[in-house]
């Protein structure tokens, strides 16, 4: 029997992309930019129109007033400038748009969108779903756990299953967090072992199970058959103290608690009153508004 498929969207990537691509001269009824909402809604329209999912959820990065990862590492994402107010306003409008069109949406002031995606994926697997994670974020490939799971970079139309993740990154999905712990992640301000990139990290993880195994067997790195193994052993030995914290930071939470985390993700139909009011506020054209009403009817 074929499993029903749940599509879980890492929304922020597609909102940021729309913010940069769509003309900021697109404004709402109050004169505020609405280009990111337009671009994100176009992405959703295309996805739903082409693939007709029955189960769909959008995970959002909300304001992290009680950040789980900053408790672990206060410098986490400290290199990122705050989002401009015009974009913050549009994130809220994108969530409003989802609700008005019957698309389940989730956010948290403690957990990131990655953790929301991970928690929903874990819950939905238990409920018998196959999972498609829509994101361009390599971190989320660690959530490809079952043979029928997929990670889908929608813009590049790059779909990876378990074997695809291993081919692209050199390790299976269950070692992606270890790979990132070793190599670091500049985007999130997570320091890695100097001299250890993805390729070297994957080499180490071919021999050792995880970062704990590497720490326990550092003296064996120099015996590995690659050029510079003694130098890498010295670097890992010098910086091993960062690895346990890094692993906590790079591991996606799959049992997070957040508002409505048990909510059904079945598309439940458009709320025409709410949608029409939001369409008016967004200065949406009649043709665009009618397309959505027809799509979600």
C-alpha atoms as a PDB file:
ATOM      1  CA  UNK A   1       0.000   0.000   0.000  1.00  0.00           C
ATOM      2  CA  UNK A   2       1.372   3.402  -0.998  1.00  0.00           C
ATOM      3  CA  UNK A   3       1.934   5.784   1.894  1.00  0.00           C
ATOM      4  CA  UNK A   4       0.385   9.253   1.752  1.00  0.00           C
ATOM      5  CA  UNK A   5       3.092  11.885   1.210  1.00  0.00           C
ATOM      6  CA  UNK A   6       3.518  14.924   3.438  1.00  0.00           C
ATOM      7  CA  UNK A   7       5.326  17.981   2.057  1.00  0.00           C
ATOM      8  CA  UNK A   8       7.080  20.111   4.699  1.00  0.00           C
ATOM      9  CA  UNK A   9       8.453  23.472   3.572  1.00  0.00           C
ATOM     10  CA  UNK A  10      11.404  25.297   5.111  1.00  0.00           C
ATOM     11  CA  UNK A  11       9.701  28.600   4.342  1.00  0.00           C
ATOM     12  CA  UNK A  12      12.364  31.179   5.177  1.00  0.00           C
ATOM     13  CA  UNK A  13      14.582  30.295   2.236  1.00  0.00           C
ATOM     14  CA  UNK A  14      11.794  30.974  -0.244  1.00  0.00           C
ATOM     15  CA  UNK A  15      10.757  34.197   1.486  1.00  0.00           C
ATOM     16  CA  UNK A  16      14.324  35.538   1.476  1.00  0.00           C
ATOM     17  CA  UNK A  17      14.709  34.552  -2.169  1.00  0.00           C
ATOM     18  CA  UNK A  18      11.508  36.423  -3.081  1.00  0.00           C
ATOM     19  CA  UNK A  19      12.672  39.439  -1.039  1.00  0.00           C
ATOM     20  CA  UNK A  20      15.820  39.644  -3.189  1.00  0.00           C
ATOM     21  CA  UNK A  21      14.266  38.748  -6.552  1.00  0.00           C
ATOM     22  CA  UNK A  22      10.908  40.525  -6.627  1.00  0.00           C
ATOM     23  CA  UNK A  23      10.745  44.284  -7.152  1.00  0.00           C
ATOM     24  CA  UNK A  24      10.457  46.173  -3.850  1.00  0.00           C
ATOM     25  CA  UNK A  25       8.167  48.617  -5.635  1.00  0.00           C
ATOM     26  CA  UNK A  26       5.440  46.001  -5.037  1.00  0.00           C
ATOM     27  CA  UNK A  27       3.570  47.399  -2.023  1.00  0.00           C
ATOM     28  CA  UNK A  28       0.472  46.710   0.033  1.00  0.00           C
ATOM     29  CA  UNK A  29      -2.494  48.993   0.650  1.00  0.00           C
ATOM     30  CA  UNK A  30      -0.521  50.922   3.302  1.00  0.00           C
ATOM     31  CA  UNK A  31       2.521  51.420   1.090  1.00  0.00           C
ATOM     32  CA  UNK A  32       4.678  48.762   2.788  1.00  0.00           C
ATOM     33  CA  UNK A  33       6.736  46.420   0.575  1.00  0.00           C
ATOM     34  CA  UNK A  34       4.927  43.163  -0.166  1.00  0.00           C
ATOM     35  CA  UNK A  35       7.340  41.686  -2.719  1.00  0.00           C
ATOM     36  CA  UNK A  36       8.395  38.790  -0.459  1.00  0.00           C
ATOM     37  CA  UNK A  37       4.767  37.804   0.132  1.00  0.00           C
ATOM     38  CA  UNK A  38       4.089  37.906  -3.607  1.00  0.00           C
ATOM     39  CA  UNK A  39       7.135  35.785  -4.374  1.00  0.00           C
ATOM     40  CA  UNK A  40       6.447  33.276  -1.607  1.00  0.00           C
ATOM     41  CA  UNK A  41       2.796  32.960  -2.601  1.00  0.00           C
ATOM     42  CA  UNK A  42       3.835  32.389  -6.231  1.00  0.00           C
ATOM     43  CA  UNK A  43       6.161  29.602  -5.079  1.00  0.00           C
ATOM     44  CA  UNK A  44       3.312  27.998  -3.106  1.00  0.00           C
ATOM     45  CA  UNK A  45       0.924  28.366  -6.031  1.00  0.00           C
ATOM     46  CA  UNK A  46       3.339  26.683  -8.424  1.00  0.00           C
ATOM     47  CA  UNK A  47       4.036  23.846  -5.994  1.00  0.00           C
ATOM     48  CA  UNK A  48       0.355  23.161  -5.292  1.00  0.00           C
ATOM     49  CA  UNK A  49      -0.713  23.575  -8.921  1.00  0.00           C
ATOM     50  CA  UNK A  50       1.951  21.205 -10.269  1.00  0.00           C
ATOM     51  CA  UNK A  51       2.031  18.541  -7.548  1.00  0.00           C
ATOM     52  CA  UNK A  52      -1.414  18.765  -5.939  1.00  0.00           C
ATOM     53  CA  UNK A  53      -0.330  17.755  -2.443  1.00  0.00           C
ATOM     54  CA  UNK A  54      -3.029  16.718  -0.022  1.00  0.00           C
ATOM     55  CA  UNK A  55      -0.796  17.255   3.011  1.00  0.00           C
ATOM     56  CA  UNK A  56       1.344  20.387   3.236  1.00  0.00           C
ATOM     57  CA  UNK A  57       2.964  22.361   6.074  1.00  0.00           C
ATOM     58  CA  UNK A  58       5.069  25.517   6.215  1.00  0.00           C
ATOM     59  CA  UNK A  59       7.686  25.957   8.948  1.00  0.00           C
ATOM     60  CA  UNK A  60       8.730  29.530   9.774  1.00  0.00           C
ATOM     61  CA  UNK A  61      11.589  31.094  11.686  1.00  0.00           C
ATOM     62  CA  UNK A  62       9.921  33.278  14.297  1.00  0.00           C
ATOM     63  CA  UNK A  63      11.654  35.791  16.570  1.00  0.00           C
ATOM     64  CA  UNK A  64      13.898  33.691  18.840  1.00  0.00           C
ATOM     65  CA  UNK A  65      13.183  35.256  22.237  1.00  0.00           C
ATOM     66  CA  UNK A  66      14.068  31.983  24.009  1.00  0.00           C
ATOM     67  CA  UNK A  67      16.507  30.385  21.550  1.00  0.00           C
ATOM     68  CA  UNK A  68      17.393  26.760  22.268  1.00  0.00           C
ATOM     69  CA  UNK A  69      20.737  27.024  20.449  1.00  0.00           C
ATOM     70  CA  UNK A  70      21.791  30.367  21.933  1.00  0.00           C
ATOM     71  CA  UNK A  71      21.463  28.780  25.347  1.00  0.00           C
ATOM     72  CA  UNK A  72      24.052  26.256  24.198  1.00  0.00           C
ATOM     73  CA  UNK A  73      26.276  28.726  22.310  1.00  0.00           C
ATOM     74  CA  UNK A  74      25.552  32.451  22.784  1.00  0.00           C
ATOM     75  CA  UNK A  75      27.517  33.353  19.620  1.00  0.00           C
ATOM     76  CA  UNK A  76      25.209  31.224  17.461  1.00  0.00           C
ATOM     77  CA  UNK A  77      24.238  33.288  14.372  1.00  0.00           C
ATOM     78  CA  UNK A  78      25.777  36.376  16.004  1.00  0.00           C
ATOM     79  CA  UNK A  79      27.367  37.217  12.638  1.00  0.00           C
ATOM     80  CA  UNK A  80      23.960  37.807  11.029  1.00  0.00           C
ATOM     81  CA  UNK A  81      22.490  41.304  10.886  1.00  0.00           C
ATOM     82  CA  UNK A  82      18.866  41.559  12.050  1.00  0.00           C
ATOM     83  CA  UNK A  83      16.235  41.319   9.343  1.00  0.00           C
ATOM     84  CA  UNK A  84      14.957  44.750   8.266  1.00  0.00           C
ATOM     85  CA  UNK A  85      11.528  45.707   9.668  1.00  0.00           C
ATOM     86  CA  UNK A  86      10.014  45.625   6.164  1.00  0.00           C
ATOM     87  CA  UNK A  87      10.953  41.953   5.857  1.00  0.00           C
ATOM     88  CA  UNK A  88       9.878  41.033   9.407  1.00  0.00           C
ATOM     89  CA  UNK A  89       6.440  42.461   8.584  1.00  0.00           C
ATOM     90  CA  UNK A  90       6.306  40.306   5.453  1.00  0.00           C
ATOM     91  CA  UNK A  91       7.177  37.129   7.351  1.00  0.00           C
ATOM     92  CA  UNK A  92       4.062  37.725   9.430  1.00  0.00           C
ATOM     93  CA  UNK A  93       2.037  38.363   6.261  1.00  0.00           C
ATOM     94  CA  UNK A  94       3.303  35.100   4.734  1.00  0.00           C
ATOM     95  CA  UNK A  95       2.023  33.211   7.778  1.00  0.00           C
ATOM     96  CA  UNK A  96      -1.305  35.050   7.451  1.00  0.00           C
ATOM     97  CA  UNK A  97      -1.413  34.057   3.795  1.00  0.00           C
ATOM     98  CA  UNK A  98      -0.920  30.378   4.665  1.00  0.00           C
ATOM     99  CA  UNK A  99      -3.684  30.442   7.266  1.00  0.00           C
ATOM    100  CA  UNK A 100      -6.136  32.160   4.905  1.00  0.00           C
ATOM    101  CA  UNK A 101      -5.528  29.585   2.168  1.00  0.00           C
ATOM    102  CA  UNK A 102      -5.847  26.563   4.470  1.00  0.00           C
ATOM    103  CA  UNK A 103      -2.130  25.699   4.605  1.00  0.00           C
ATOM    104  CA  UNK A 104      -0.888  24.585   8.040  1.00  0.00           C
ATOM    105  CA  UNK A 105       1.864  26.889   9.329  1.00  0.00           C
ATOM    106  CA  UNK A 106       4.102  26.658  12.389  1.00  0.00           C
ATOM    107  CA  UNK A 107       6.595  28.878  14.216  1.00  0.00           C
ATOM    108  CA  UNK A 108       8.299  29.019  17.601  1.00  0.00           C
ATOM    109  CA  UNK A 109      10.136  31.555  19.735  1.00  0.00           C
ATOM    110  CA  UNK A 110      12.452  28.769  20.964  1.00  0.00           C
ATOM    111  CA  UNK A 111      13.015  26.416  18.042  1.00  0.00           C
ATOM    112  CA  UNK A 112      14.055  27.187  14.478  1.00  0.00           C
ATOM    113  CA  UNK A 113      12.209  26.206  11.332  1.00  0.00           C
ATOM    114  CA  UNK A 114      14.669  23.281  10.969  1.00  0.00           C
ATOM    115  CA  UNK A 115      13.504  21.867  14.296  1.00  0.00           C
ATOM    116  CA  UNK A 116       9.862  22.379  13.372  1.00  0.00           C
ATOM    117  CA  UNK A 117      10.474  20.506  10.113  1.00  0.00           C
ATOM    118  CA  UNK A 118      12.288  17.751  12.025  1.00  0.00           C
ATOM    119  CA  UNK A 119       9.555  17.415  14.630  1.00  0.00           C
ATOM    120  CA  UNK A 120       6.775  17.359  12.044  1.00  0.00           C
ATOM    121  CA  UNK A 121       8.678  14.796   9.960  1.00  0.00           C
ATOM    122  CA  UNK A 122       9.164  12.555  12.997  1.00  0.00           C
ATOM    123  CA  UNK A 123       5.505  12.821  14.010  1.00  0.00           C
ATOM    124  CA  UNK A 124       4.180  12.261  10.510  1.00  0.00           C
ATOM    125  CA  UNK A 125       6.376   9.211   9.925  1.00  0.00           C
ATOM    126  CA  UNK A 126       4.850   7.650  13.042  1.00  0.00           C
ATOM    127  CA  UNK A 127       1.448   8.405  11.531  1.00  0.00           C
ATOM    128  CA  UNK A 128       2.369   6.487   8.367  1.00  0.00           C
ATOM    129  CA  UNK A 129       3.434   9.270   5.980  1.00  0.00           C
ATOM    130  CA  UNK A 130       6.252   9.385   3.471  1.00  0.00           C
ATOM    131  CA  UNK A 131       8.106  12.701   3.851  1.00  0.00           C
ATOM    132  CA  UNK A 132       9.287  15.288   1.329  1.00  0.00           C
ATOM    133  CA  UNK A 133      11.294  18.139   2.855  1.00  0.00           C
ATOM    134  CA  UNK A 134      11.374  21.196   0.602  1.00  0.00           C
ATOM    135  CA  UNK A 135      14.495  23.236   1.327  1.00  0.00           C
ATOM    136  CA  UNK A 136      17.858  24.303  -0.072  1.00  0.00           C
ATOM    137  CA  UNK A 137      19.462  23.893   3.364  1.00  0.00           C
ATOM    138  CA  UNK A 138      21.964  21.011   3.507  1.00  0.00           C
ATOM    139  CA  UNK A 139      21.375  20.673   7.281  1.00  0.00           C
ATOM    140  CA  UNK A 140      17.929  19.229   6.595  1.00  0.00           C
ATOM    141  CA  UNK A 141      19.319  16.289   4.614  1.00  0.00           C
ATOM    142  CA  UNK A 142      19.919  14.617   8.008  1.00  0.00           C
ATOM    143  CA  UNK A 143      16.137  14.126   8.189  1.00  0.00           C
ATOM    144  CA  UNK A 144      16.096  11.739   5.204  1.00  0.00           C
ATOM    145  CA  UNK A 145      15.721   8.623   7.344  1.00  0.00           C
ATOM    146  CA  UNK A 146      13.589   6.182   5.365  1.00  0.00           C
ATOM    147  CA  UNK A 147      13.845   4.871   1.824  1.00  0.00           C
ATOM    148  CA  UNK A 148      10.762   6.831   0.769  1.00  0.00           C
ATOM    149  CA  UNK A 149      11.916  10.132   2.336  1.00  0.00           C
ATOM    150  CA  UNK A 150      13.091  12.924   0.035  1.00  0.00           C
ATOM    151  CA  UNK A 151      14.954  16.225   0.411  1.00  0.00           C
ATOM    152  CA  UNK A 152      13.985  18.540  -2.437  1.00  0.00           C
ATOM    153  CA  UNK A 153      15.796  21.719  -3.420  1.00  0.00           C
ATOM    154  CA  UNK A 154      12.816  23.093  -5.310  1.00  0.00           C
ATOM    155  CA  UNK A 155      14.518  25.972  -7.134  1.00  0.00           C
ATOM    156  CA  UNK A 156      17.251  23.717  -8.541  1.00  0.00           C
ATOM    157  CA  UNK A 157      14.911  20.726  -8.887  1.00  0.00           C
ATOM    158  CA  UNK A 158      17.459  18.611  -7.034  1.00  0.00           C
ATOM    159  CA  UNK A 159      15.862  15.703  -5.176  1.00  0.00           C
ATOM    160  CA  UNK A 160      17.885  13.466  -2.861  1.00  0.00           C
ATOM    161  CA  UNK A 161      16.981  10.190  -1.198  1.00  0.00           C
ATOM    162  CA  UNK A 162      19.287   8.388   1.262  1.00  0.00           C
ATOM    163  CA  UNK A 163      21.666   7.273  -1.489  1.00  0.00           C
ATOM    164  CA  UNK A 164      21.587  10.721  -3.074  1.00  0.00           C
ATOM    165  CA  UNK A 165      22.580  12.399   0.195  1.00  0.00           C
ATOM    166  CA  UNK A 166      25.491  10.002   0.574  1.00  0.00           C
ATOM    167  CA  UNK A 167      26.612  10.595  -3.001  1.00  0.00           C
ATOM    168  CA  UNK A 168      26.467  14.394  -2.672  1.00  0.00           C
ATOM    169  CA  UNK A 169      27.972  14.779   0.818  1.00  0.00           C
ATOM    170  CA  UNK A 170      30.061  11.632   1.228  1.00  0.00           C
ATOM    171  CA  UNK A 171      28.157  10.424   4.293  1.00  0.00           C
ATOM    172  CA  UNK A 172      24.745   8.958   5.010  1.00  0.00           C
ATOM    173  CA  UNK A 173      22.046  11.282   6.387  1.00  0.00           C
ATOM    174  CA  UNK A 174      22.555  10.107   9.973  1.00  0.00           C
ATOM    175  CA  UNK A 175      26.106  11.527   9.859  1.00  0.00           C
ATOM    176  CA  UNK A 176      25.288  14.942   8.383  1.00  0.00           C
ATOM    177  CA  UNK A 177      25.214  16.552  11.852  1.00  0.00           C
ATOM    178  CA  UNK A 178      28.673  15.084  12.557  1.00  0.00           C
ATOM    179  CA  UNK A 179      29.949  16.318   9.189  1.00  0.00           C
ATOM    180  CA  UNK A 180      28.781  19.846  10.005  1.00  0.00           C
ATOM    181  CA  UNK A 181      30.152  19.634  13.551  1.00  0.00           C
ATOM    182  CA  UNK A 182      33.603  18.874  12.133  1.00  0.00           C
ATOM    183  CA  UNK A 183      33.581  21.324   9.227  1.00  0.00           C
ATOM    184  CA  UNK A 184      31.613  24.087  10.949  1.00  0.00           C
ATOM    185  CA  UNK A 185      28.982  26.316   9.386  1.00  0.00           C
ATOM    186  CA  UNK A 186      29.963  29.925   8.647  1.00  0.00           C
ATOM    187  CA  UNK A 187      26.350  30.866   7.908  1.00  0.00           C
ATOM    188  CA  UNK A 188      25.359  29.985  11.489  1.00  0.00           C
ATOM    189  CA  UNK A 189      28.663  31.159  13.045  1.00  0.00           C
ATOM    190  CA  UNK A 190      29.590  27.618  14.117  1.00  0.00           C
ATOM    191  CA  UNK A 191      33.397  27.228  14.143  1.00  0.00           C
ATOM    192  CA  UNK A 192      34.796  24.034  12.659  1.00  0.00           C
ATOM    193  CA  UNK A 193      38.115  22.243  12.993  1.00  0.00           C
ATOM    194  CA  UNK A 194      40.642  24.334  10.991  1.00  0.00           C
ATOM    195  CA  UNK A 195      41.621  22.518   7.802  1.00  0.00           C
ATOM    196  CA  UNK A 196      38.599  20.225   7.910  1.00  0.00           C
ATOM    197  CA  UNK A 197      36.058  20.826   5.158  1.00  0.00           C
ATOM    198  CA  UNK A 198      33.298  18.554   3.906  1.00  0.00           C
ATOM    199  CA  UNK A 199      35.692  16.228   2.077  1.00  0.00           C
ATOM    200  CA  UNK A 200      38.032  15.748   5.020  1.00  0.00           C
ATOM    201  CA  UNK A 201      35.106  15.410   7.437  1.00  0.00           C
ATOM    202  CA  UNK A 202      33.557  12.719   5.244  1.00  0.00           C
ATOM    203  CA  UNK A 203      36.938  10.896   5.116  1.00  0.00           C
ATOM    204  CA  UNK A 204      37.066  10.845   8.920  1.00  0.00           C
ATOM    205  CA  UNK A 205      33.460   9.669   9.138  1.00  0.00           C
ATOM    206  CA  UNK A 206      34.177   6.783   6.769  1.00  0.00           C
ATOM    207  CA  UNK A 207      36.483   5.381   9.460  1.00  0.00           C
ATOM    208  CA  UNK A 208      34.856   6.635  12.667  1.00  0.00           C
ATOM    209  CA  UNK A 209      31.173   6.394  13.602  1.00  0.00           C
ATOM    210  CA  UNK A 210      30.661   9.976  14.803  1.00  0.00           C
ATOM    211  CA  UNK A 211      32.416  12.877  16.551  1.00  0.00           C
ATOM    212  CA  UNK A 212      32.441  11.001  19.874  1.00  0.00           C
ATOM    213  CA  UNK A 213      34.232   8.096  18.196  1.00  0.00           C
ATOM    214  CA  UNK A 214      36.713  10.523  16.616  1.00  0.00           C
ATOM    215  CA  UNK A 215      37.457  12.135  19.996  1.00  0.00           C
ATOM    216  CA  UNK A 216      37.966   8.707  21.558  1.00  0.00           C
ATOM    217  CA  UNK A 217      40.354   7.634  18.777  1.00  0.00           C
ATOM    218  CA  UNK A 218      42.242  10.786  17.828  1.00  0.00           C
ATOM    219  CA  UNK A 219      45.587   8.966  17.934  1.00  0.00           C
ATOM    220  CA  UNK A 220      44.458   6.760  15.043  1.00  0.00           C
ATOM    221  CA  UNK A 221      43.844   9.642  12.590  1.00  0.00           C
ATOM    222  CA  UNK A 222      47.541   9.881  11.645  1.00  0.00           C
ATOM    223  CA  UNK A 223      47.440   6.220  10.588  1.00  0.00           C
ATOM    224  CA  UNK A 224      44.813   6.928   7.940  1.00  0.00           C
ATOM    225  CA  UNK A 225      46.023   6.791   4.359  1.00  0.00           C
ATOM    226  CA  UNK A 226      45.638  10.346   3.160  1.00  0.00           C
ATOM    227  CA  UNK A 227      48.170  13.108   2.725  1.00  0.00           C
ATOM    228  CA  UNK A 228      48.538  15.283   5.801  1.00  0.00           C
ATOM    229  CA  UNK A 229      46.857  12.848   8.214  1.00  0.00           C
ATOM    230  CA  UNK A 230      49.315  13.709  11.005  1.00  0.00           C
ATOM    231  CA  UNK A 231      48.549  17.418  10.610  1.00  0.00           C
ATOM    232  CA  UNK A 232      44.795  16.742  10.736  1.00  0.00           C
ATOM    233  CA  UNK A 233      45.280  14.627  13.861  1.00  0.00           C
ATOM    234  CA  UNK A 234      47.056  17.526  15.554  1.00  0.00           C
ATOM    235  CA  UNK A 235      44.326  19.965  14.534  1.00  0.00           C
ATOM    236  CA  UNK A 236      41.530  17.686  15.763  1.00  0.00           C
ATOM    237  CA  UNK A 237      43.394  17.124  19.023  1.00  0.00           C
ATOM    238  CA  UNK A 238      43.862  20.870  19.521  1.00  0.00           C
ATOM    239  CA  UNK A 239      40.236  21.771  18.766  1.00  0.00           C
ATOM    240  CA  UNK A 240      38.375  18.663  19.959  1.00  0.00           C
ATOM    241  CA  UNK A 241      36.727  20.680  22.749  1.00  0.00           C
ATOM    242  CA  UNK A 242      34.387  22.365  20.241  1.00  0.00           C
ATOM    243  CA  UNK A 243      32.967  19.141  18.817  1.00  0.00           C
ATOM    244  CA  UNK A 244      30.385  18.163  21.485  1.00  0.00           C
ATOM    245  CA  UNK A 245      28.829  21.634  21.428  1.00  0.00           C
ATOM    246  CA  UNK A 246      28.965  21.747  17.639  1.00  0.00           C
ATOM    247  CA  UNK A 247      27.150  18.423  17.444  1.00  0.00           C
ATOM    248  CA  UNK A 248      24.372  19.784  19.660  1.00  0.00           C
ATOM    249  CA  UNK A 249      24.063  22.829  17.420  1.00  0.00           C
ATOM    250  CA  UNK A 250      24.031  20.912  14.131  1.00  0.00           C
ATOM    251  CA  UNK A 251      21.614  18.195  15.259  1.00  0.00           C
ATOM    252  CA  UNK A 252      18.028  19.019  14.319  1.00  0.00           C
ATOM    253  CA  UNK A 253      15.527  18.596  17.145  1.00  0.00           C
ATOM    254  CA  UNK A 254      12.816  16.062  16.328  1.00  0.00           C
ATOM    255  CA  UNK A 255      10.749  16.297  19.515  1.00  0.00           C
ATOM    256  CA  UNK A 256      10.280  20.057  19.878  1.00  0.00           C
ATOM    257  CA  UNK A 257       7.201  21.498  21.522  1.00  0.00           C
ATOM    258  CA  UNK A 258       5.605  24.500  19.839  1.00  0.00           C
ATOM    259  CA  UNK A 259       2.142  25.927  19.309  1.00  0.00           C
ATOM    260  CA  UNK A 260      -0.247  23.544  17.546  1.00  0.00           C
ATOM    261  CA  UNK A 261       2.516  21.011  16.876  1.00  0.00           C
ATOM    262  CA  UNK A 262      -0.141  18.278  16.665  1.00  0.00           C
ATOM    263  CA  UNK A 263      -2.239  20.233  14.136  1.00  0.00           C
ATOM    264  CA  UNK A 264      -3.362  18.373  11.018  1.00  0.00           C
ATOM    265  CA  UNK A 265      -1.471  19.358   7.873  1.00  0.00           C
ATOM    266  CA  UNK A 266      -4.194  18.343   5.443  1.00  0.00           C
ATOM    267  CA  UNK A 267      -5.062  21.217   3.121  1.00  0.00           C
ATOM    268  CA  UNK A 268      -8.429  22.210   4.536  1.00  0.00           C
ATOM    269  CA  UNK A 269      -9.719  24.707   1.992  1.00  0.00           C
ATOM    270  CA  UNK A 270      -9.488  28.435   1.575  1.00  0.00           C
ATOM    271  CA  UNK A 271     -11.216  30.813   3.973  1.00  0.00           C
ATOM    272  CA  UNK A 272     -12.684  33.142   1.366  1.00  0.00           C
ATOM    273  CA  UNK A 273     -13.526  35.968   3.767  1.00  0.00           C
ATOM    274  CA  UNK A 274     -10.041  36.043   5.300  1.00  0.00           C
ATOM    275  CA  UNK A 275      -8.331  35.485   1.959  1.00  0.00           C
ATOM    276  CA  UNK A 276     -10.242  38.249   0.166  1.00  0.00           C
ATOM    277  CA  UNK A 277      -9.472  40.690   2.963  1.00  0.00           C
ATOM    278  CA  UNK A 278      -5.775  39.767   2.872  1.00  0.00           C
ATOM    279  CA  UNK A 279      -5.763  39.997  -0.936  1.00  0.00           C
ATOM    280  CA  UNK A 280      -7.202  43.497  -0.659  1.00  0.00           C
ATOM    281  CA  UNK A 281      -4.572  44.474   1.932  1.00  0.00           C
ATOM    282  CA  UNK A 282      -1.810  43.110  -0.322  1.00  0.00           C
ATOM    283  CA  UNK A 283      -3.116  44.973  -3.401  1.00  0.00           C
ATOM    284  CA  UNK A 284      -3.469  41.617  -5.110  1.00  0.00           C
ATOM    285  CA  UNK A 285      -4.867  41.792  -8.625  1.00  0.00           C
ATOM    286  CA  UNK A 286      -8.256  40.230  -9.343  1.00  0.00           C
ATOM    287  CA  UNK A 287      -6.671  37.700 -11.678  1.00  0.00           C
ATOM    288  CA  UNK A 288      -4.176  36.577  -9.016  1.00  0.00           C
ATOM    289  CA  UNK A 289      -6.902  36.421  -6.367  1.00  0.00           C
ATOM    290  CA  UNK A 290      -9.204  34.361  -8.612  1.00  0.00           C
ATOM    291  CA  UNK A 291      -6.377  31.951  -9.467  1.00  0.00           C
ATOM    292  CA  UNK A 292      -5.973  31.163  -5.772  1.00  0.00           C
ATOM    293  CA  UNK A 293      -9.700  30.801  -5.184  1.00  0.00           C
ATOM    294  CA  UNK A 294      -9.919  28.393  -8.086  1.00  0.00           C
ATOM    295  CA  UNK A 295      -6.819  26.430  -7.053  1.00  0.00           C
ATOM    296  CA  UNK A 296      -7.952  25.894  -3.468  1.00  0.00           C
ATOM    297  CA  UNK A 297     -11.655  25.361  -4.177  1.00  0.00           C
END
